[in-house]
Amino acid sequence: GNGQSRRFLVESDGMGYSLTDTVINAGSESLLQYNNHLETCYCIQGEGEIEDMDGVIYPIEIGTMYALDKHDKHYLRAKTTMRLVCVFSPPLKGNESHNLDGNSESSY
């Protein structure tokens, strides 16, 4: 895949949200859309960007927080190895994984 995500809080923990620590590989590009979850991420390492489907690019660097509140389809690109602390609501079950085959967006 294009990275690895450690899940600290999942649905069975009963908090109502998930907390993850996600490392995105340098040079990777992922087309994503979370149809079942809202997502907020905070960058603690590296740099990259989000590109929405209108072609608007939003840079990500240490200290950047972004929220996808409309189940937004987007590209996530890592210029360098990027580490994000992410919150998902409703919570992830914990066994989800991305399918980044390039044929369509990956979703949980």
Protein backbone atom coordinates (compact mmCIF):
# COMPACT_ATOMS: atom_id res chain seq x y z
CA GLY A 1 0.00 0.00 0.00
CA ASN A 2 0.88 3.67 0.19
CA GLY A 3 1.34 3.71 3.95
CA GLN A 4 0.39 2.18 7.25
CA SER A 5 -2.22 3.14 9.83
CA ARG A 6 -2.23 2.19 13.50
CA ARG A 7 -5.68 2.33 15.08
CA PHE A 8 -5.70 3.46 18.72
CA LEU A 9 -9.47 3.81 19.20
CA VAL A 10 -12.02 1.81 17.21
CA GLU A 11 -15.75 1.16 17.34
CA SER A 12 -15.47 -1.51 20.06
CA ASP A 13 -13.83 1.03 22.41
CA GLY A 14 -17.18 2.84 22.63
CA MET A 15 -15.87 6.41 22.28
CA GLY A 16 -17.96 7.30 19.23
CA TYR A 17 -14.91 8.09 17.05
CA SER A 18 -11.64 6.50 15.93
CA LEU A 19 -8.11 7.79 16.46
CA THR A 20 -5.34 6.67 14.12
CA ASP A 21 -1.64 7.34 13.55
CA THR A 22 -1.09 7.08 9.80
CA VAL A 23 2.23 7.15 7.95
CA ILE A 24 2.00 7.92 4.21
CA ASN A 25 4.92 6.84 2.02
CA ALA A 26 6.95 9.56 0.30
CA GLY A 27 6.04 10.00 -3.36
CA SER A 28 2.69 8.21 -3.06
CA GLU A 29 -0.67 9.33 -4.43
CA SER A 30 -3.99 7.89 -3.26
CA LEU A 31 -7.48 8.63 -4.56
CA LEU A 32 -9.72 8.45 -1.49
CA GLN A 33 -13.32 9.00 -0.50
CA TYR A 34 -14.74 8.06 2.89
CA ASN A 35 -18.40 7.37 2.13
CA ASN A 36 -19.19 6.16 5.64
CA HIS A 37 -17.02 8.41 7.80
CA LEU A 38 -16.07 12.04 8.32
CA GLU A 39 -12.32 12.58 8.67
CA THR A 40 -10.08 15.13 10.37
CA CYS A 41 -6.28 14.88 10.15
CA TYR A 42 -3.41 16.74 11.81
CA CYS A 43 0.07 16.56 10.26
CA ILE A 44 2.91 15.87 12.71
CA GLN A 45 5.62 14.95 10.17
CA GLY A 46 6.48 15.59 6.54
CA GLU A 47 4.67 17.42 3.79
CA GLY A 48 2.22 16.73 1.03
CA GLU A 49 -1.08 17.94 -0.34
CA ILE A 50 -4.77 17.28 -0.79
CA GLU A 51 -6.34 17.91 -4.19
CA ASP A 52 -10.12 18.12 -4.45
CA MET A 53 -12.10 17.13 -7.54
CA ASP A 54 -12.20 20.76 -8.70
CA GLY A 55 -8.40 20.70 -8.96
CA VAL A 56 -7.85 22.94 -5.93
CA ILE A 57 -4.66 21.92 -4.09
CA TYR A 58 -4.25 22.41 -0.35
CA PRO A 59 -0.69 22.06 0.97
CA ILE A 60 -0.06 19.94 4.07
CA GLU A 61 2.91 20.51 6.37
CA ILE A 62 3.66 20.03 10.04
CA GLY A 63 0.89 21.74 12.01
CA THR A 64 -1.71 21.59 9.21
CA MET A 65 -5.16 20.31 10.16
CA TYR A 66 -7.72 19.44 7.52
CA ALA A 67 -11.28 18.17 7.76
CA LEU A 68 -13.31 16.39 5.10
CA ASP A 69 -16.88 17.01 6.15
CA LYS A 70 -18.80 16.15 2.97
CA HIS A 71 -17.40 12.67 2.24
CA ASP A 72 -15.17 14.51 -0.22
CA LYS A 73 -13.42 12.52 -2.95
CA HIS A 74 -9.79 13.68 -2.96
CA TYR A 75 -6.21 12.88 -3.85
CA LEU A 76 -3.76 12.59 -0.96
CA ARG A 77 -0.13 13.03 -2.02
CA ALA A 78 2.96 12.78 0.16
CA LYS A 79 6.01 14.72 -1.02
CA THR A 80 8.01 13.32 1.88
CA THR A 81 7.08 10.62 4.37
CA MET A 82 4.05 12.16 6.04
CA ARG A 83 2.57 11.28 9.43
CA LEU A 84 -1.03 12.20 10.25
CA VAL A 85 -3.04 11.84 13.44
CA CYS A 86 -6.59 11.21 12.20
CA VAL A 87 -10.06 11.13 13.74
CA PHE A 88 -12.93 9.29 12.03
CA SER A 89 -16.60 9.59 12.90
CA PRO A 90 -18.43 7.30 13.14
CA PRO A 91 -15.58 5.11 14.35
CA LEU A 92 -13.73 2.58 12.23
CA LYS A 93 -14.24 -1.06 13.10
CA GLY A 94 -10.45 -1.45 12.91
CA ASN A 95 -10.08 -4.02 10.14
CA GLU A 96 -10.67 -1.69 7.19
CA SER A 97 -8.01 -1.43 4.48
CA HIS A 98 -7.65 0.59 1.30
CA ASN A 99 -7.88 -0.83 -2.21
CA LEU A 100 -5.59 1.44 -4.21
CA ASP A 101 -5.80 -0.37 -7.56
CA GLY A 102 -6.27 2.90 -9.46
CA ASN A 103 -9.64 1.92 -10.92
CA SER A 104 -11.67 3.98 -8.46
CA GLU A 105 -11.38 5.81 -5.17
CA SER A 106 -10.67 3.75 -2.07
CA SER A 107 -13.20 4.03 0.73
CA TYR A 108 -14.03 2.64 4.13
